[in-house]
Structures are given as structure tokens and as C-alpha cells.
Amino acid sequence: MSRVVKPVVSHQPVRDYAYYRAALAGQTLPAAFVDLDSFAANLDALKIRAAGLPIRLVTKSVRSVSMIRFILDAAPFMQGLLCYSPAEAAWLARQGFDDIVVAYPSVEPAHLHAVAAQLLEGRSITLMVDCVEQVNIIDTLARTTGVVFPLSIDLDMSSSFPGIYFGVHRSPIRDVTTALALANEISCRTGVRLDGLMGYEGQIAGLMDAVPGEAIRSAIIRYLKRKSIREVTERRKNVVNALTAAGHLLRFVNGGGTGSFESTRTDPSVTELAAGSGLYVPTLFDHYAAFQAAPAAGFALPVTRTPKRHVVTCAGGGYIASGPAGKSRLPQPWLPAGCSLIDDEAAGEVQTPLRHPDSVALGIGDPMLFRHAKAGELCERFNELLLIKDGCVVDRVPTYRGDGKSFL
């Protein structure tokens, strides 16, 4: 029997085109921005949805040191960072951040040496592993640097149903047997130690399940999610119990993402959640049954041409998100409402044409607002973020790109 889900809805301030147009008046376009009022509402909503569990901040969804500091200062329940690269983790440690976990394996010597230097300074950085080969490389380097690397095991949380692989291809560690084997290999070495376990259920956290106009597909996804949640929650719990029983102490068990708080928090083996996209709220997080959040980040392009009636052309805009090629990865016109991309051109490298209805009047130089499909990837296109509060740009802060950093 299906159950009616009452979604958590953040209390968002009302925003329209006039609001942002006035706020961006006089700014150089194109420009990326964060609405701090909406951002704060999304932060509050994550706290409610976490139901008391701490949340590790996913830095790839933020990609700005200033915004990371703002989040950690404003929200004590956001504890620690989940980075996407050891080089990024070492750099953030040099900026004063601590309790950092790297979510993806890497054996690049230069990056591992950078992490080792920070470990020698007393910073806490945990690297991710999912095979003995990775452990061996890190252990060998550890013995040349005089440090012990904390490691986390990446537990694969995908589900395999008859004819369907429901999940992402992350790790070969899928069960108690493989997890115990890797933990035992770690314990046999002097340059590494087991620190934690991560079990990220990407097919639940990162897949929309209440998309308008896609009722059948959404119902199927919700059904698959329910089956997967039962299966992977039991698997993660069994692995944690087996590791503990075998004498392997885990400082943390990390699980979930923005889209799976409601299910992940019910697993008693999980000690912390992880989230990042739920702050900026890109278009790929618009339609979930369990929660509703409003966009807090976007970018503005200037209108530079009016080639024909009902069509305007903007400068720039080809900010395509990673993932399976398709319309879901395109940036979407946002405000004024009613505008749409043109299929034959979509979002272009140097110009993006749009169709608009009679109700929308855009002239040369006017800003057109867009939203990116994914969260932090927008920051790879801009050197800074304009921070908007109470209808005004109150600050501008550098992105990773603005700080001259690109980690992958």
C-alpha cells in the first residue's frame, strides 16, 4: 500500500524577476549569485530533515571557501567537510578547516604528499579506499613521510534487481565479506588505520521521484527506491555490526545525501549525514516527494540581441552539467517566467537564444536569470559569487575558480 508523504517545505521568501533585476542593477553580466535569504531557509530545512544527526558539508556542491565558512559558522549542526579530491582537502586544511573526509579514492603521489603535510600539522583528513591496491600505495607513501593516514571504506550501496541495476558504479565493497577483508588488510599495515565507513545511496539521494508530467516514471522510481532502501539499509547496518564485532573501531559512519535524509536517518548504524546540493538547490533537486526547497543560486546573462519576435539572445550560457547527456543537464531559464530554450541551439558557448511569451518584455541589456542543473559546478564558470540579501548585493566572494583552483 502506498503512503502519502508530507514533504518538508522550507519557508522561502517570495522572489520574482523584478526583485533580482533591481538587486543586479549596475552589476557586470554574466554573473553568478546566491540569495542569502533563500540559502538560510534551505539550511534551516536541512536541519529539520536531519532530525538531530550532524551533517557533513559536501564541498563539491559549494566550491567557495567563503560560503563554506558561512555555512559552518551559521549552522553548528554542519560538522566537518566531505571533499572530492585529496588536493582540495589539503588546500582547505591550509585555510584552517578540519575534520575532512575525501569521498573518492585517489593515489596521485603529489596529492597524497599534500595531505601528509597537513596530517603532520595536526589536521584531520581521512582518505577513501575500496581496494587493497589503493591501501598499498597509501601505506608505502606513509612510511616515507612519517605519518599514518586515516582511511574510510567506501561501501557500495547500489541495488541489483532482476534486469535492473539501480544505483551508481562506485565501489567493489558490497557486503560483510568484502568489507571485513579490506578492513583486515588495513589493520595489517603500519602506515594506515581504519577511521570510518561511507555508504552513499546515490540512487535514492540523487534521483528525483515526483517530476511533473512523469507520473508513471516517478511512481516506478519511488517503488524502486522503497525496495532499495530496505535492502541497502540492512546491508550497511550488517557491515557496520560485523566490523565492530571484529574489533574495527569506526569514528564515523557517513550516509545519504540531500535527497535521502528521511530514509538514511532511520539507519541506527549511521552517525552522520551528508549534504550540499540542498543549499543552492539546482534544477536536479526540484522534484522530490519527501521535501521541497526553493532555488538559492543562479546566474544572470545579459540580453544582447532581439533577432525576431518572441526571441531574445543572451551572451554566454553554455554551462552544461555533468552526467548523462540530455536536457536535464542543461541550464534552465528561470526568471522572467515563461521563457524556454530553443532545441536546435540550447545553451551555447557564446550565446543562448530564448523564446518568450507576449507577457515577457526583454530589452537589450536586461538580465535573464537561469538556474544550473547541478550545484557546485556553476562555480567552475565564474570567478565570484554575488551575495544578495534584502534585495541588494551585499558582498562578492571568490569561487574555487576565483582562487585559482581546479581540482578535477
Protein backbone atom coordinates (compact mmCIF):
# COMPACT_ATOMS: atom_id res chain seq x y z
CA MET A 1 0.00 0.00 0.00
CA SER A 2 1.41 3.39 -0.92
CA ARG A 3 1.78 6.04 1.76
CA VAL A 4 1.09 9.73 1.29
CA VAL A 5 4.29 11.63 2.05
CA LYS A 6 4.01 15.11 3.52
CA PRO A 7 7.13 16.87 2.26
CA VAL A 8 9.26 19.18 4.35
CA VAL A 9 8.86 22.63 2.80
CA SER A 10 11.35 25.36 3.60
CA HIS A 11 9.85 28.76 4.40
CA GLN A 12 11.15 30.62 1.39
CA PRO A 13 10.90 34.35 0.80
CA VAL A 14 8.93 35.31 -2.29
CA ARG A 15 11.17 36.14 -5.23
CA ASP A 16 10.29 37.42 -8.69
CA TYR A 17 12.10 38.88 -11.68
CA ALA A 18 11.69 42.47 -10.50
CA TYR A 19 13.41 41.62 -7.20
CA TYR A 20 16.52 40.20 -8.83
CA ARG A 21 16.58 42.74 -11.63
CA ALA A 22 16.73 45.53 -9.07
CA ALA A 23 19.35 43.70 -7.00
CA LEU A 24 21.59 43.13 -10.03
CA ALA A 25 21.26 46.63 -11.44
CA GLY A 26 24.69 48.00 -12.27
CA GLN A 27 26.46 44.63 -11.96
CA THR A 28 28.66 43.29 -14.75
CA LEU A 29 26.99 40.37 -16.54
CA PRO A 30 27.20 37.42 -16.87
CA ALA A 31 27.23 36.94 -13.11
CA ALA A 32 26.52 34.12 -10.67
CA PHE A 33 24.74 34.87 -7.42
CA VAL A 34 23.49 33.38 -4.16
CA ASP A 35 20.33 34.62 -2.47
CA LEU A 36 21.35 34.55 1.20
CA ASP A 37 17.77 34.69 2.47
CA SER A 38 16.73 31.64 0.46
CA PHE A 39 20.03 29.98 1.30
CA ALA A 40 19.36 30.40 5.04
CA ALA A 41 15.88 28.93 4.64
CA ASN A 42 17.34 25.89 2.90
CA LEU A 43 19.90 25.49 5.66
CA ASP A 44 17.12 25.50 8.26
CA ALA A 45 15.20 22.90 6.25
CA LEU A 46 18.21 20.56 6.20
CA LYS A 47 18.44 20.81 9.98
CA ILE A 48 14.79 19.85 10.36
CA ARG A 49 15.12 16.95 7.93
CA ALA A 50 18.27 15.64 9.64
CA ALA A 51 16.30 15.19 12.87
CA GLY A 52 19.29 15.66 15.16
CA LEU A 53 22.01 13.92 13.16
CA PRO A 54 25.05 16.04 12.27
CA ILE A 55 25.53 16.87 8.59
CA ARG A 56 28.92 16.75 6.87
CA LEU A 57 29.09 19.51 4.25
CA VAL A 58 29.69 18.28 0.68
CA THR A 59 32.16 20.80 -0.70
CA LYS A 60 31.75 19.90 -4.39
CA SER A 61 28.25 21.36 -4.17
CA VAL A 62 29.51 24.69 -2.77
CA ARG A 63 33.03 25.34 -4.20
CA SER A 64 33.66 28.59 -2.40
CA VAL A 65 35.78 28.94 0.74
CA SER A 66 33.77 31.95 1.89
CA MET A 67 30.48 30.08 1.52
CA ILE A 68 31.89 27.05 3.34
CA ARG A 69 32.92 29.31 6.24
CA PHE A 70 29.50 30.99 6.22
CA ILE A 71 27.73 27.62 6.44
CA LEU A 72 29.87 26.23 9.25
CA ASP A 73 29.63 29.47 11.23
CA ALA A 74 25.87 29.80 10.79
CA ALA A 75 24.94 26.17 11.44
CA PRO A 76 26.64 24.22 14.26
CA PHE A 77 24.87 21.05 13.08
CA MET A 78 27.01 21.17 9.93
CA GLN A 79 30.10 19.35 11.17
CA GLY A 80 33.11 18.58 9.02
CA LEU A 81 33.68 18.56 5.27
CA LEU A 82 33.24 15.89 2.61
CA CYS A 83 35.66 16.77 -0.19
CA TYR A 84 36.01 15.36 -3.70
CA SER A 85 39.81 15.44 -4.05
CA PRO A 86 42.78 14.97 -1.70
CA ALA A 87 44.35 18.09 -3.22
CA GLU A 88 41.19 20.03 -2.39
CA ALA A 89 41.20 18.61 1.14
CA ALA A 90 44.84 19.61 1.71
CA TRP A 91 44.18 23.11 0.37
CA LEU A 92 41.12 23.57 2.59
CA ALA A 93 43.13 22.32 5.56
CA ARG A 94 45.67 25.04 4.84
CA GLN A 95 42.78 27.53 5.04
CA GLY A 96 42.12 26.33 8.59
CA PHE A 97 39.38 23.75 8.05
CA ASP A 98 39.50 20.44 9.88
CA ASP A 99 37.68 17.09 10.16
CA ILE A 100 37.82 16.49 6.42
CA VAL A 101 36.84 13.27 4.65
CA VAL A 102 37.68 12.74 0.98
CA ALA A 103 34.73 10.96 -0.66
CA TYR A 104 36.56 9.49 -3.67
CA PRO A 105 39.73 7.37 -3.90
CA SER A 106 42.94 8.85 -5.30
CA VAL A 107 46.54 7.64 -5.39
CA GLU A 108 48.17 10.67 -7.02
CA PRO A 109 51.54 10.99 -5.21
CA ALA A 110 51.63 14.79 -5.20
CA HIS A 111 48.11 14.95 -3.70
CA LEU A 112 48.90 12.33 -1.07
CA HIS A 113 52.07 14.22 -0.10
CA ALA A 114 49.97 17.38 0.30
CA VAL A 115 47.62 15.50 2.64
CA ALA A 116 50.57 14.06 4.55
CA ALA A 117 51.91 17.57 5.15
CA GLN A 118 48.60 18.60 6.69
CA LEU A 119 48.44 15.46 8.83
CA LEU A 120 51.88 16.40 10.18
CA GLU A 121 50.41 19.81 11.07
CA GLY A 122 47.74 18.08 13.14
CA ARG A 123 44.83 18.34 10.71
CA SER A 124 42.31 15.52 10.40
CA ILE A 125 41.97 14.29 6.80
CA THR A 126 40.53 10.85 6.02
CA LEU A 127 41.07 9.27 2.61
CA MET A 128 38.62 6.93 0.87
CA VAL A 129 39.58 3.43 -0.28
CA ASP A 130 37.77 0.47 -1.81
CA CYS A 131 40.57 -1.96 -2.74
CA VAL A 132 43.87 -3.34 -1.47
CA GLU A 133 45.86 -1.69 -4.27
CA GLN A 134 44.87 1.75 -3.04
CA VAL A 135 45.73 0.81 0.54
CA ASN A 136 49.17 -0.48 -0.51
CA ILE A 137 50.06 2.71 -2.38
CA ILE A 138 48.98 4.96 0.51
CA ASP A 139 50.74 2.76 3.06
CA THR A 140 54.01 2.81 1.10
CA LEU A 141 53.92 6.60 0.83
CA ALA A 142 53.04 6.89 4.51
CA ARG A 143 56.24 5.16 5.51
CA THR A 144 58.29 7.71 3.56
CA THR A 145 56.54 10.69 5.16
CA GLY A 146 56.31 9.53 8.76
CA VAL A 147 52.54 9.82 9.04
CA VAL A 148 49.65 7.41 9.48
CA PHE A 149 46.82 8.02 7.01
CA PRO A 150 43.27 7.61 8.34
CA LEU A 151 41.17 5.67 5.83
CA SER A 152 37.47 5.19 5.22
CA ILE A 153 35.98 2.23 3.39
CA ASP A 154 33.58 3.11 0.57
CA LEU A 155 30.66 0.66 0.80
CA ASP A 156 28.75 0.32 -2.46
CA MET A 157 25.06 0.99 -1.87
CA SER A 158 23.61 0.13 -5.28
CA SER A 159 20.82 -2.42 -5.64
CA SER A 160 20.56 -5.12 -8.28
CA PHE A 161 17.04 -6.19 -9.15
CA PRO A 162 16.06 -8.65 -11.92
CA GLY A 163 17.03 -6.87 -15.13
CA ILE A 164 17.76 -3.57 -13.34
CA TYR A 165 20.96 -2.17 -11.85
CA PHE A 166 19.60 0.55 -9.59
CA GLY A 167 22.45 2.74 -8.45
CA VAL A 168 25.84 4.11 -9.36
CA HIS A 169 29.08 2.26 -10.05
CA ARG A 170 31.27 3.27 -7.12
CA SER A 171 32.90 0.52 -5.14
CA PRO A 172 33.59 -3.24 -5.26
CA ILE A 173 32.99 -3.41 -1.49
CA ARG A 174 29.40 -4.59 -1.36
CA ASP A 175 28.94 -6.83 1.66
CA VAL A 176 30.23 -8.03 5.00
CA THR A 177 32.80 -10.39 3.48
CA THR A 178 34.48 -7.83 1.22
CA ALA A 179 34.33 -5.07 3.85
CA LEU A 180 35.91 -7.27 6.52
CA ALA A 181 38.62 -8.39 4.11
CA LEU A 182 39.60 -4.81 3.31
CA ALA A 183 39.43 -3.74 6.97
CA ASN A 184 41.74 -6.60 7.90
CA GLU A 185 44.20 -5.57 5.17
CA ILE A 186 44.23 -2.02 6.56
CA SER A 187 44.83 -3.27 10.12
CA CYS A 188 47.89 -5.25 8.97
CA ARG A 189 49.73 -2.14 7.83
CA THR A 190 51.57 0.47 9.89
CA GLY A 191 51.07 3.50 7.62
CA VAL A 192 47.28 3.45 7.58
CA ARG A 193 44.43 2.95 10.02
CA LEU A 194 40.70 2.46 9.61
CA ASP A 195 38.79 5.60 10.61
CA GLY A 196 35.31 5.29 9.14
CA LEU A 197 32.89 3.94 6.58
CA MET A 198 30.84 5.71 3.93
CA GLY A 199 27.71 4.21 2.39
CA TYR A 200 26.22 6.67 -0.09
CA GLU A 201 22.92 5.56 -1.63
CA GLY A 202 23.12 7.74 -4.75
CA GLN A 203 20.07 6.19 -6.42
CA ILE A 204 17.94 7.44 -3.52
CA ALA A 205 19.70 10.70 -2.67
CA GLY A 206 20.24 11.97 -6.20
CA LEU A 207 17.24 10.84 -8.24
CA MET A 208 14.06 12.92 -8.45
CA ASP A 209 10.89 10.92 -7.80
CA ALA A 210 8.00 13.40 -8.19
CA VAL A 211 8.54 15.03 -11.58
CA PRO A 212 5.51 16.84 -13.04
CA GLY A 213 4.28 15.21 -16.26
CA GLU A 214 6.13 11.98 -15.48
CA ALA A 215 3.67 10.30 -13.14
CA ILE A 216 4.34 6.71 -14.23
CA ARG A 217 8.13 7.05 -14.26
CA SER A 218 8.09 8.82 -10.89
CA ALA A 219 5.91 6.08 -9.40
CA ILE A 220 8.32 3.42 -10.67
CA ILE A 221 11.30 5.28 -9.20
CA ARG A 222 9.56 5.63 -5.83
CA TYR A 223 8.82 1.89 -5.88
CA LEU A 224 12.44 1.06 -6.69
CA LYS A 225 13.62 3.45 -4.00
CA ARG A 226 11.45 1.75 -1.38
CA LYS A 227 12.85 -1.66 -2.31
CA SER A 228 16.39 -0.35 -2.42
CA ILE A 229 16.12 1.46 0.92
CA ARG A 230 15.15 -1.74 2.70
CA GLU A 231 17.95 -3.71 1.07
CA VAL A 232 20.85 -1.24 1.36
CA THR A 233 19.96 -0.10 4.88
CA GLU A 234 20.15 -3.68 6.08
CA ARG A 235 23.42 -4.19 4.19
CA ARG A 236 25.08 -1.10 5.66
CA LYS A 237 23.91 -2.00 9.16
CA ASN A 238 25.24 -5.56 8.83
CA VAL A 239 28.62 -4.33 7.60
CA VAL A 240 28.97 -1.86 10.48
CA ASN A 241 27.99 -4.51 13.02
CA ALA A 242 30.45 -7.01 11.53
CA LEU A 243 33.31 -4.51 11.53
CA THR A 244 32.59 -3.54 15.13
CA ALA A 245 32.34 -7.18 16.23
CA ALA A 246 35.71 -7.87 14.59
CA GLY A 247 37.31 -5.09 16.65
CA HIS A 248 37.48 -2.40 13.97
CA LEU A 249 36.59 0.93 15.57
CA LEU A 250 34.75 3.40 13.34
CA ARG A 251 34.90 7.09 14.24
CA PHE A 252 32.07 7.80 11.82
CA VAL A 253 29.58 6.08 9.53
CA ASN A 254 28.55 8.51 6.80
CA GLY A 255 25.44 8.04 4.71
CA GLY A 256 22.95 9.73 2.48
CA GLY A 257 22.72 12.98 0.59
CA THR A 258 20.27 15.84 0.19
CA GLY A 259 17.61 13.61 -1.36
CA SER A 260 17.72 10.74 1.14
CA PHE A 261 17.74 12.23 4.65
CA GLU A 262 14.35 10.74 5.50
CA SER A 263 15.47 7.16 4.88
CA THR A 264 19.16 7.38 5.84
CA ARG A 265 18.48 8.86 9.25
CA THR A 266 16.45 5.76 10.21
CA ASP A 267 19.55 3.55 9.97
CA PRO A 268 20.89 3.28 13.55
CA SER A 269 24.37 2.49 12.26
CA VAL A 270 24.68 5.91 10.56
CA THR A 271 26.36 8.58 12.72
CA GLU A 272 26.23 11.47 10.24
CA LEU A 273 24.51 12.58 7.05
CA ALA A 274 26.00 14.47 4.12
CA ALA A 275 24.56 17.29 2.04
CA GLY A 276 25.49 20.19 -0.20
CA SER A 277 23.07 20.46 -3.12
CA GLY A 278 20.21 21.21 -0.75
CA LEU A 279 21.71 24.65 -0.12
CA TYR A 280 21.96 26.11 -3.64
CA VAL A 281 19.14 23.80 -4.88
CA PRO A 282 19.83 23.33 -8.61
CA THR A 283 17.17 22.05 -11.01
CA LEU A 284 18.04 18.37 -10.46
CA PHE A 285 16.69 18.73 -6.91
CA ASP A 286 13.36 20.34 -7.76
CA HIS A 287 11.01 17.37 -7.58
CA TYR A 288 11.28 15.05 -4.60
CA ALA A 289 8.33 13.56 -2.75
CA ALA A 290 9.98 13.97 0.66
CA PHE A 291 10.93 17.64 0.56
CA GLN A 292 10.56 20.89 -1.34
CA ALA A 293 13.24 23.57 -1.40
CA ALA A 294 13.50 26.74 -3.44
CA PRO A 295 16.44 27.87 -5.57
CA ALA A 296 19.03 29.96 -3.77
CA ALA A 297 21.62 30.26 -6.54
CA GLY A 298 21.55 31.18 -10.20
CA PHE A 299 23.24 33.18 -12.89
CA ALA A 300 22.26 36.19 -14.94
CA LEU A 301 23.05 36.67 -18.63
CA PRO A 302 22.59 39.96 -20.46
CA VAL A 303 20.18 40.14 -23.39
CA THR A 304 22.29 41.20 -26.37
CA ARG A 305 20.04 40.58 -29.41
CA THR A 306 16.39 40.50 -30.39
CA PRO A 307 16.60 38.54 -33.67
CA LYS A 308 12.83 38.13 -34.14
CA ARG A 309 9.51 38.43 -32.40
CA HIS A 310 9.28 36.30 -29.27
CA VAL A 311 13.01 35.54 -29.36
CA VAL A 312 15.90 37.15 -27.47
CA THR A 313 19.54 36.11 -27.42
CA CYS A 314 21.73 36.24 -24.33
CA ALA A 315 25.52 36.36 -24.09
CA GLY A 316 27.12 33.14 -22.85
CA GLY A 317 25.16 30.44 -21.07
CA GLY A 318 26.65 27.14 -22.21
CA TYR A 319 27.13 25.91 -18.66
CA ILE A 320 26.25 22.26 -19.16
CA ALA A 321 26.28 19.98 -16.11
CA SER A 322 28.00 16.61 -15.94
CA GLY A 323 26.16 13.31 -16.14
CA PRO A 324 24.14 11.57 -18.86
CA ALA A 325 23.80 13.85 -21.88
CA GLY A 326 20.29 15.23 -22.19
CA LYS A 327 18.01 18.14 -21.44
CA SER A 328 18.15 17.52 -17.70
CA ARG A 329 21.79 18.67 -17.74
CA LEU A 330 21.09 21.98 -19.46
CA PRO A 331 20.78 25.24 -17.54
CA GLN A 332 17.17 26.35 -17.48
CA PRO A 333 15.67 29.83 -17.99
CA TRP A 334 14.20 30.87 -14.65
CA LEU A 335 13.06 34.50 -14.48
CA PRO A 336 11.14 36.09 -16.02
CA ALA A 337 8.95 33.02 -16.07
CA GLY A 338 7.71 31.54 -19.30
CA CYS A 339 10.95 31.65 -21.30
CA SER A 340 12.39 28.49 -22.84
CA LEU A 341 15.49 27.24 -24.61
CA ILE A 342 15.34 26.58 -28.35
CA ASP A 343 16.03 22.89 -29.02
CA ASP A 344 18.18 23.42 -32.11
CA GLU A 345 20.60 25.69 -30.22
CA ALA A 346 20.00 25.11 -26.49
CA ALA A 347 22.60 26.81 -24.22
CA GLY A 348 25.53 27.95 -26.32
CA GLU A 349 29.17 28.67 -25.63
CA VAL A 350 28.90 32.36 -26.50
CA GLN A 351 25.18 32.92 -26.93
CA THR A 352 21.90 31.40 -25.80
CA PRO A 353 18.67 32.23 -27.64
CA LEU A 354 15.34 32.00 -25.83
CA ARG A 355 11.69 32.03 -26.76
CA HIS A 356 9.48 34.22 -24.63
CA PRO A 357 5.72 34.80 -24.41
CA ASP A 358 3.90 38.08 -25.07
CA SER A 359 3.75 38.68 -21.34
CA VAL A 360 7.55 38.98 -21.16
CA ALA A 361 9.22 42.13 -22.45
CA LEU A 362 13.02 41.95 -22.50
CA GLY A 363 15.21 44.64 -23.99
CA ILE A 364 18.88 44.91 -24.86
CA GLY A 365 20.96 44.85 -21.67
CA ASP A 366 18.25 43.36 -19.48
CA PRO A 367 19.30 40.44 -17.25
CA MET A 368 17.87 36.99 -17.92
CA LEU A 369 18.07 34.65 -14.95
CA PHE A 370 18.98 30.96 -15.26
CA ARG A 371 19.47 28.03 -12.92
CA HIS A 372 22.17 25.40 -13.27
CA ALA A 373 21.32 21.69 -13.32
CA LYS A 374 23.86 20.82 -10.60
CA ALA A 375 25.04 22.78 -7.60
CA GLY A 376 28.75 23.47 -7.32
CA GLU A 377 29.59 23.00 -10.98
CA LEU A 378 28.29 26.50 -11.67
CA CYS A 379 31.27 27.83 -9.70
CA GLU A 380 33.64 26.36 -12.29
CA ARG A 381 32.31 29.01 -14.71
CA PHE A 382 32.56 32.11 -12.54
CA ASN A 383 35.34 33.73 -10.51
CA GLU A 384 32.96 35.09 -7.89
CA LEU A 385 29.51 34.81 -6.41
CA LEU A 386 27.40 37.91 -5.79
CA LEU A 387 25.68 37.60 -2.41
CA ILE A 388 22.18 39.08 -2.38
CA LYS A 389 20.30 39.91 0.81
CA ASP A 390 17.20 42.02 1.30
CA GLY A 391 17.21 42.98 -2.36
CA CYS A 392 20.82 44.19 -2.55
CA VAL A 393 24.22 42.77 -3.43
CA VAL A 394 25.90 42.88 -0.02
CA ASP A 395 29.15 41.11 -0.84
CA ARG A 396 31.04 39.23 -3.54
CA VAL A 397 33.12 36.19 -2.68
CA PRO A 398 35.54 34.12 -4.77
CA THR A 399 34.74 30.64 -6.00
CA TYR A 400 37.40 27.93 -6.20
CA ARG A 401 37.99 29.18 -9.74
CA GLY A 402 38.38 32.72 -8.46
CA ASP A 403 41.01 31.45 -6.05
CA GLY A 404 42.84 29.88 -8.99
CA LYS A 405 41.92 26.32 -8.02
CA SER A 406 40.60 23.48 -10.17
CA PHE A 407 40.90 20.03 -8.63
CA LEU A 408 39.46 17.67 -11.24
